[in-house]
C-alpha atoms as a PDB file:
ATOM      1  CA  MET A   1      87.883  97.839  96.248  1.00  0.00           C
ATOM      2  CA  ARG A   2      88.610 101.050  95.395  1.00  0.00           C
ATOM      3  CA  GLY A   3      92.199 101.883  94.715  1.00  0.00           C
ATOM      4  CA  GLU A   4      93.094 103.810  97.442  1.00  0.00           C
ATOM      5  CA  GLU A   5      91.628 100.960  99.880  1.00  0.00           C
ATOM      6  CA  ARG A   6      93.261  98.793  98.066  1.00  0.00           C
ATOM      7  CA  ALA A   7      96.899 100.395  98.256  1.00  0.00           C
ATOM      8  CA  ARG A   8      96.156 101.195 101.695  1.00  0.00           C
ATOM      9  CA  ARG A   9      95.578  97.451 102.574  1.00  0.00           C
ATOM     10  CA  ILE A  10      98.640  96.555 100.572  1.00  0.00           C
ATOM     11  CA  PHE A  11     100.757  99.375 102.440  1.00  0.00           C
ATOM     12  CA  SER A  12      99.810  97.942 105.515  1.00  0.00           C
ATOM     13  CA  THR A  13     101.286  94.573 104.786  1.00  0.00           C
ATOM     14  CA  ALA A  14     104.621  95.777 103.431  1.00  0.00           C
ATOM     15  CA  ARG A  15     105.161  97.935 106.516  1.00  0.00           C
ATOM     16  CA  GLU A  16     104.434  94.773 108.669  1.00  0.00           C
ATOM     17  CA  GLU A  17     106.536  92.848 107.043  1.00  0.00           C
ATOM     18  CA  LYS A  18     109.267  95.424 107.813  1.00  0.00           C
ATOM     19  CA  ARG A  19     108.938  96.202 103.864  1.00  0.00           C
ATOM     20  CA  SER A  20     109.757  99.663 102.536  1.00  0.00           C
ATOM     21  CA  TYR A  21     108.989  98.690  98.848  1.00  0.00           C
ATOM     22  CA  VAL A  22     105.675  96.953  97.558  1.00  0.00           C
ATOM     23  CA  LEU A  23     106.154  93.562  95.260  1.00  0.00           C
ATOM     24  CA  GLU A  24     105.438  93.407  91.660  1.00  0.00           C
ATOM     25  CA  TYR A  25     101.888  91.501  92.035  1.00  0.00           C
ATOM     26  CA  GLU A  26     100.801  93.917  94.407  1.00  0.00           C
ATOM     27  CA  VAL A  27     101.741  96.965  92.362  1.00  0.00           C
ATOM     28  CA  LYS A  28      99.666  95.598  89.605  1.00  0.00           C
ATOM     29  CA  GLU A  29      96.806  94.818  92.314  1.00  0.00           C
ATOM     30  CA  ILE A  30      96.665  98.801  93.289  1.00  0.00           C
ATOM     31  CA  LEU A  31      97.067  99.802  89.895  1.00  0.00           C
ATOM     32  CA  LYS A  32      93.758  97.647  88.847  1.00  0.00           C
ATOM     33  CA  GLY A  33      92.122  99.493  91.372  1.00  0.00           C
ATOM     34  CA  TYR A  34      92.246 102.486  89.519  1.00  0.00           C
ATOM     35  CA  ASP A  35      91.313 100.793  85.983  1.00  0.00           C
ATOM     36  CA  ILE A  36      94.888 100.481  84.797  1.00  0.00           C
ATOM     37  CA  ASP A  37      95.910  97.611  82.547  1.00  0.00           C
ATOM     38  CA  VAL A  38      98.366  95.087  83.898  1.00  0.00           C
ATOM     39  CA  THR A  39      99.615  91.838  82.482  1.00  0.00           C
ATOM     40  CA  LYS A  40      97.549  88.833  83.817  1.00  0.00           C
ATOM     41  CA  GLU A  41      99.201  86.906  86.448  1.00  0.00           C
ATOM     42  CA  VAL A  42      98.517  84.247  89.700  1.00  0.00           C
ATOM     43  CA  VAL A  43     101.303  83.492  92.318  1.00  0.00           C
ATOM     44  CA  CYS A  44     101.557  79.742  92.306  1.00  0.00           C
ATOM     45  CA  LYS A  45     102.888  77.673  94.957  1.00  0.00           C
ATOM     46  CA  THR A  46     102.824  74.079  93.333  1.00  0.00           C
ATOM     47  CA  VAL A  47     103.770  73.230  89.425  1.00  0.00           C
ATOM     48  CA  ASP A  48     100.366  71.787  89.137  1.00  0.00           C
ATOM     49  CA  GLU A  49      98.697  75.321  90.195  1.00  0.00           C
ATOM     50  CA  ALA A  50     101.233  77.077  87.696  1.00  0.00           C
ATOM     51  CA  VAL A  51     100.384  74.578  84.852  1.00  0.00           C
ATOM     52  CA  GLN A  52      96.575  75.353  84.951  1.00  0.00           C
ATOM     53  CA  VAL A  53      96.923  79.114  85.453  1.00  0.00           C
ATOM     54  CA  ALA A  54      99.483  78.911  82.232  1.00  0.00           C
ATOM     55  CA  LYS A  55      96.362  77.045  80.260  1.00  0.00           C
ATOM     56  CA  ASN A  56      94.178  79.776  81.591  1.00  0.00           C
ATOM     57  CA  ILE A  57      96.182  82.664  80.519  1.00  0.00           C
ATOM     58  CA  GLY A  58      97.628  80.897  77.260  1.00  0.00           C
ATOM     59  CA  PHE A  59     101.092  80.196  76.188  1.00  0.00           C
ATOM     60  CA  PRO A  60     103.404  81.688  75.882  1.00  0.00           C
ATOM     61  CA  ILE A  61     103.904  83.036  79.437  1.00  0.00           C
ATOM     62  CA  VAL A  62     106.251  83.886  82.109  1.00  0.00           C
ATOM     63  CA  LEU A  63     107.676  82.637  85.139  1.00  0.00           C
ATOM     64  CA  LYS A  64     108.940  85.237  87.903  1.00  0.00           C
ATOM     65  CA  ILE A  65     110.076  85.145  91.142  1.00  0.00           C
ATOM     66  CA  VAL A  66     108.092  86.280  94.227  1.00  0.00           C
ATOM     67  CA  SER A  67     110.086  86.728  97.451  1.00  0.00           C
ATOM     68  CA  THR A  68     110.279  89.825  99.838  1.00  0.00           C
ATOM     69  CA  GLU A  69     113.699  89.395  99.561  1.00  0.00           C
ATOM     70  CA  VAL A  70     114.573  89.925  95.564  1.00  0.00           C
ATOM     71  CA  VAL A  71     114.080  93.192  94.554  1.00  0.00           C
ATOM     72  CA  HIS A  72     115.508  93.099  91.380  1.00  0.00           C
ATOM     73  CA  LYS A  73     114.489  89.479  89.731  1.00  0.00           C
ATOM     74  CA  SER A  74     116.317  89.559  86.400  1.00  0.00           C
ATOM     75  CA  ASP A  75     119.646  90.249  87.976  1.00  0.00           C
ATOM     76  CA  SER A  76     119.444  86.844  89.737  1.00  0.00           C
ATOM     77  CA  GLY A  77     118.042  84.612  87.840  1.00  0.00           C
ATOM     78  CA  GLY A  78     114.438  85.273  88.761  1.00  0.00           C
ATOM     79  CA  VAL A  79     112.792  85.823  85.802  1.00  0.00           C
ATOM     80  CA  LYS A  80     112.116  83.287  82.375  1.00  0.00           C
ATOM     81  CA  LEU A  81     110.478  84.618  79.507  1.00  0.00           C
ATOM     82  CA  GLY A  82     108.661  82.708  76.509  1.00  0.00           C
ATOM     83  CA  ILE A  83     107.727  79.340  78.314  1.00  0.00           C
ATOM     84  CA  LYS A  84     105.962  77.849  75.512  1.00  0.00           C
ATOM     85  CA  SER A  85     104.790  74.519  76.445  1.00  0.00           C
ATOM     86  CA  GLU A  86     103.780  72.961  79.503  1.00  0.00           C
ATOM     87  CA  GLU A  87     106.839  70.390  79.900  1.00  0.00           C
ATOM     88  CA  GLU A  88     108.707  73.686  79.734  1.00  0.00           C
ATOM     89  CA  LEU A  89     106.963  75.310  81.928  1.00  0.00           C
ATOM     90  CA  LYS A  90     107.493  72.286  84.774  1.00  0.00           C
ATOM     91  CA  ALA A  91     110.892  72.126  84.024  1.00  0.00           C
ATOM     92  CA  GLU A  92     111.558  76.180  84.420  1.00  0.00           C
ATOM     93  CA  PHE A  93     109.200  76.424  87.445  1.00  0.00           C
ATOM     94  CA  ASP A  94     111.052  73.625  89.456  1.00  0.00           C
ATOM     95  CA  LYS A  95     114.330  75.199  88.366  1.00  0.00           C
ATOM     96  CA  MET A  96     113.623  78.337  89.624  1.00  0.00           C
ATOM     97  CA  LEU A  97     112.026  76.750  92.812  1.00  0.00           C
ATOM     98  CA  ALA A  98     114.937  74.847  93.787  1.00  0.00           C
ATOM     99  CA  LEU A  99     117.423  77.930  93.201  1.00  0.00           C
ATOM    100  CA  TYR A 100     115.875  80.250  95.541  1.00  0.00           C
ATOM    101  CA  SER A 101     114.464  77.486  98.322  1.00  0.00           C
ATOM    102  CA  GLY A 102     118.002  77.127  98.821  1.00  0.00           C
ATOM    103  CA  LYS A 103     118.729  81.132  99.650  1.00  0.00           C
ATOM    104  CA  PHE A 104     115.330  82.397 101.140  1.00  0.00           C
ATOM    105  CA  SER A 105     113.148  81.406 104.411  1.00  0.00           C
ATOM    106  CA  ALA A 106     109.668  79.710 103.318  1.00  0.00           C
ATOM    107  CA  GLU A 107     108.643  83.438 104.792  1.00  0.00           C
ATOM    108  CA  ALA A 108     110.103  85.582 102.491  1.00  0.00           C
ATOM    109  CA  LEU A 109     109.064  83.072  99.399  1.00  0.00           C
ATOM    110  CA  LYS A 110     105.745  83.887  98.156  1.00  0.00           C
ATOM    111  CA  GLY A 111     105.536  81.803  94.997  1.00  0.00           C
ATOM    112  CA  ILE A 112     106.017  82.055  91.559  1.00  0.00           C
ATOM    113  CA  SER A 113     104.437  84.485  89.793  1.00  0.00           C
ATOM    114  CA  VAL A 114     102.870  82.860  85.905  1.00  0.00           C
ATOM    115  CA  GLN A 115     102.008  85.827  83.716  1.00  0.00           C
ATOM    116  CA  GLU A 116     100.870  86.534  80.478  1.00  0.00           C
ATOM    117  CA  MET A 117     103.293  86.878  77.609  1.00  0.00           C
ATOM    118  CA  VAL A 118     102.986  90.529  75.965  1.00  0.00           C
ATOM    119  CA  SER A 119     104.433  92.744  73.272  1.00  0.00           C
ATOM    120  CA  GLY A 120     104.838  96.123  71.325  1.00  0.00           C
ATOM    121  CA  GLU A 121     106.981  99.330  71.729  1.00  0.00           C
ATOM    122  CA  GLU A 122     108.235  99.638  75.081  1.00  0.00           C
ATOM    123  CA  VAL A 123     107.654 102.272  77.302  1.00  0.00           C
ATOM    124  CA  ILE A 124     108.904 103.246  81.180  1.00  0.00           C
ATOM    125  CA  ILE A 125     106.904 105.488  83.395  1.00  0.00           C
ATOM    126  CA  GLY A 126     108.544 106.801  86.426  1.00  0.00           C
ATOM    127  CA  VAL A 127     107.631 108.792  89.503  1.00  0.00           C
ATOM    128  CA  LEU A 128     110.082 110.773  91.967  1.00  0.00           C
ATOM    129  CA  LYS A 129     108.482 112.311  95.074  1.00  0.00           C
ATOM    130  CA  ASP A 130     109.815 115.614  95.639  1.00  0.00           C
ATOM    131  CA  SER A 131     109.852 117.278  99.369  1.00  0.00           C
ATOM    132  CA  GLN A 132     108.878 120.623  97.997  1.00  0.00           C
ATOM    133  CA  PHE A 133     107.105 120.092  94.700  1.00  0.00           C
ATOM    134  CA  GLY A 134     105.505 116.812  95.081  1.00  0.00           C
ATOM    135  CA  HIS A 135     105.422 114.063  92.311  1.00  0.00           C
ATOM    136  CA  MET A 136     107.416 114.078  89.389  1.00  0.00           C
ATOM    137  CA  MET A 137     106.136 111.953  86.649  1.00  0.00           C
ATOM    138  CA  MET A 138     108.268 110.915  83.803  1.00  0.00           C
ATOM    139  CA  VAL A 139     107.851 109.089  80.525  1.00  0.00           C
ATOM    140  CA  GLY A 140     110.050 107.805  78.234  1.00  0.00           C
ATOM    141  CA  MET A 141     110.455 105.067  75.896  1.00  0.00           C
ATOM    142  CA  GLY A 142     112.084 101.715  76.514  1.00  0.00           C
ATOM    143  CA  GLY A 143     115.682 100.200  75.817  1.00  0.00           C
ATOM    144  CA  VAL A 144     118.315 101.891  74.125  1.00  0.00           C
ATOM    145  CA  PHE A 145     116.131 105.170  74.006  1.00  0.00           C
ATOM    146  CA  VAL A 146     116.098 105.633  78.055  1.00  0.00           C
ATOM    147  CA  GLU A 147     119.539 103.753  78.727  1.00  0.00           C
ATOM    148  CA  VAL A 148     121.361 105.642  75.910  1.00  0.00           C
ATOM    149  CA  PHE A 149     119.761 108.580  74.625  1.00  0.00           C
ATOM    150  CA  LYS A 150     117.965 109.306  77.814  1.00  0.00           C
ATOM    151  CA  ASP A 151     114.727 110.144  76.312  1.00  0.00           C
ATOM    152  CA  VAL A 152     112.024 110.959  78.307  1.00  0.00           C
ATOM    153  CA  ALA A 153     109.775 113.561  79.442  1.00  0.00           C
ATOM    154  CA  TYR A 154     108.567 115.321  82.670  1.00  0.00           C
ATOM    155  CA  ARG A 155     105.648 116.693  84.228  1.00  0.00           C
ATOM    156  CA  LEU A 156     104.666 117.746  87.575  1.00  0.00           C
ATOM    157  CA  ALA A 157     101.437 115.041  89.118  1.00  0.00           C
ATOM    158  CA  PRO A 158      98.645 115.701  88.264  1.00  0.00           C
ATOM    159  CA  ILE A 159      98.314 115.601  84.815  1.00  0.00           C
ATOM    160  CA  THR A 160      95.226 114.974  82.074  1.00  0.00           C
ATOM    161  CA  GLU A 161      95.310 113.271  79.111  1.00  0.00           C
ATOM    162  CA  ALA A 162      95.688 115.652  77.180  1.00  0.00           C
ATOM    163  CA  GLU A 163      99.041 116.821  79.021  1.00  0.00           C
ATOM    164  CA  ALA A 164     100.232 113.003  78.736  1.00  0.00           C
ATOM    165  CA  MET A 165      99.887 113.221  74.894  1.00  0.00           C
ATOM    166  CA  GLU A 166     102.230 116.519  74.936  1.00  0.00           C
ATOM    167  CA  MET A 167     104.473 114.647  76.830  1.00  0.00           C
ATOM    168  CA  LEU A 168     104.716 111.993  74.508  1.00  0.00           C
ATOM    169  CA  LYS A 169     105.298 114.356  72.185  1.00  0.00           C
ATOM    170  CA  GLU A 170     108.505 115.222  73.227  1.00  0.00           C
ATOM    171  CA  LEU A 171     110.205 112.164  72.637  1.00  0.00           C
ATOM    172  CA  LYS A 172     112.352 111.629  69.649  1.00  0.00           C
ATOM    173  CA  GLY A 173     110.807 107.753  69.878  1.00  0.00           C
ATOM    174  CA  PHE A 174     107.394 109.208  69.494  1.00  0.00           C
ATOM    175  CA  ARG A 175     107.700 108.043  65.800  1.00  0.00           C
ATOM    176  CA  LEU A 176     107.933 104.505  67.280  1.00  0.00           C
ATOM    177  CA  LEU A 177     103.884 105.102  68.828  1.00  0.00           C
ATOM    178  CA  ASP A 178     102.771 106.922  65.664  1.00  0.00           C
ATOM    179  CA  GLY A 179     103.286 103.708  63.013  1.00  0.00           C
ATOM    180  CA  TYR A 180     106.947 104.429  61.701  1.00  0.00           C
ATOM    181  CA  ARG A 181     108.236 102.527  58.589  1.00  0.00           C
ATOM    182  CA  GLY A 182     105.036 101.099  58.124  1.00  0.00           C
ATOM    183  CA  ARG A 183     104.333  99.634  61.757  1.00  0.00           C
ATOM    184  CA  LYS A 184     100.747  99.682  63.299  1.00  0.00           C
ATOM    185  CA  PRO A 185     100.544 103.032  65.225  1.00  0.00           C
ATOM    186  CA  ALA A 186     100.273 101.800  69.075  1.00  0.00           C
ATOM    187  CA  ASN A 187      97.177 102.632  70.504  1.00  0.00           C
ATOM    188  CA  VAL A 188      98.463 106.149  72.190  1.00  0.00           C
ATOM    189  CA  LYS A 189      95.321 106.913  73.521  1.00  0.00           C
ATOM    190  CA  SER A 190      95.713 103.849  75.898  1.00  0.00           C
ATOM    191  CA  LEU A 191      98.986 105.306  77.209  1.00  0.00           C
ATOM    192  CA  CYS A 192      97.533 108.477  77.743  1.00  0.00           C
ATOM    193  CA  GLU A 193      94.874 107.312  80.044  1.00  0.00           C
ATOM    194  CA  THR A 194      97.268 104.990  81.696  1.00  0.00           C
ATOM    195  CA  LEU A 195      99.529 107.943  82.953  1.00  0.00           C
ATOM    196  CA  SER A 196      96.432 110.270  83.545  1.00  0.00           C
ATOM    197  CA  ARG A 197      95.152 107.417  85.981  1.00  0.00           C
ATOM    198  CA  VAL A 198      98.879 106.873  87.598  1.00  0.00           C
ATOM    199  CA  SER A 199      98.471 110.724  88.026  1.00  0.00           C
ATOM    200  CA  THR A 200      95.300 110.026  89.755  1.00  0.00           C
ATOM    201  CA  ALA A 201      96.757 107.586  92.099  1.00  0.00           C
ATOM    202  CA  LEU A 202      99.561 109.645  93.078  1.00  0.00           C
ATOM    203  CA  GLU A 203      97.283 112.390  94.579  1.00  0.00           C
ATOM    204  CA  GLU A 204      95.172 109.790  96.524  1.00  0.00           C
ATOM    205  CA  LEU A 205      98.528 107.622  97.596  1.00  0.00           C
ATOM    206  CA  PRO A 206     100.891 110.933  98.957  1.00  0.00           C
ATOM    207  CA  GLU A 207     103.085 108.257 100.764  1.00  0.00           C
ATOM    208  CA  ILE A 208     104.123 107.082  97.268  1.00  0.00           C
ATOM    209  CA  LYS A 209     108.260 107.787  97.437  1.00  0.00           C
ATOM    210  CA  GLU A 210     109.059 106.262  93.905  1.00  0.00           C
ATOM    211  CA  MET A 211     107.175 104.403  91.017  1.00  0.00           C
ATOM    212  CA  ASP A 212     109.008 102.607  88.525  1.00  0.00           C
ATOM    213  CA  LEU A 213     106.520 100.623  85.758  1.00  0.00           C
ATOM    214  CA  ASN A 214     108.700  99.506  83.487  1.00  0.00           C
ATOM    215  CA  PRO A 215     108.271  97.949  81.128  1.00  0.00           C
ATOM    216  CA  VAL A 216     105.103  99.364  79.677  1.00  0.00           C
ATOM    217  CA  PHE A 217     104.026  97.788  76.317  1.00  0.00           C
ATOM    218  CA  VAL A 218     102.282  99.651  73.809  1.00  0.00           C
ATOM    219  CA  ASN A 219     100.640  98.009  70.606  1.00  0.00           C
ATOM    220  CA  ASP A 220      97.686  98.702  68.399  1.00  0.00           C
ATOM    221  CA  LYS A 221      95.005  97.296  71.082  1.00  0.00           C
ATOM    222  CA  ARG A 222      96.255  98.476  74.487  1.00  0.00           C
ATOM    223  CA  ALA A 223      99.265  99.793  76.652  1.00  0.00           C
ATOM    224  CA  VAL A 224      99.716  97.369  79.906  1.00  0.00           C
ATOM    225  CA  ILE A 225     102.176  97.024  82.787  1.00  0.00           C
ATOM    226  CA  ALA A 226     104.446  94.470  82.654  1.00  0.00           C
ATOM    227  CA  ASP A 227     106.287  94.997  85.902  1.00  0.00           C
ATOM    228  CA  GLY A 228     106.178  97.617  88.656  1.00  0.00           C
ATOM    229  CA  ARG A 229     108.039  98.438  91.528  1.00  0.00           C
ATOM    230  CA  ILE A 230     106.701 101.331  94.527  1.00  0.00           C
ATOM    231  CA  PHE A 231     108.855 102.255  97.504  1.00  0.00           C
ATOM    232  CA  ILE A 232     106.765 103.847 100.543  1.00  0.00           C
END
């Protein structure tokens, strides 16, 4: 299924559920339709299913709650990183399920996402739609660079891969991607492809009001989106 068709189906489901936002696993389904690399994940209902998925993905893994009533997962205990074994997975899965089962309806609680754990330099990609100019794209280095130094670059969509590279080179933290102090250079080409493909999605999906892809991990092999939100 093409990205646009997939997105329309997901947006329709969100509206039926009276949501103005798209859940993380839905965001990733949309992005995959545009050949954008995202973390492997499966939303699981039972601990046995989660164990099998984790074995297929490979430890360490990440657990995240999936609920239509939870937007900020990390703030409410809905994310557990770096789970290294089957025993730890079972304990954390049961703990997370018990925590949220008492808070939300069975209809709202869709399960727990089992995801691959990735590493690399953290980058953020943001989008905000202006009523006059359209989609404004932002890219920045993650963590302290965006929070403290506001190290970001902006362009109006659509953008080419060459324009994406120009954006990255405007960042003070670009040296971290370019092999700073003996580190392996990050796959910047892959990140530029990601930015350009996001802009393609924005052209086809004008109803997107806001997009937040954070974090995007960039290492020497790939640029991969580990979390994301879309508001429609």
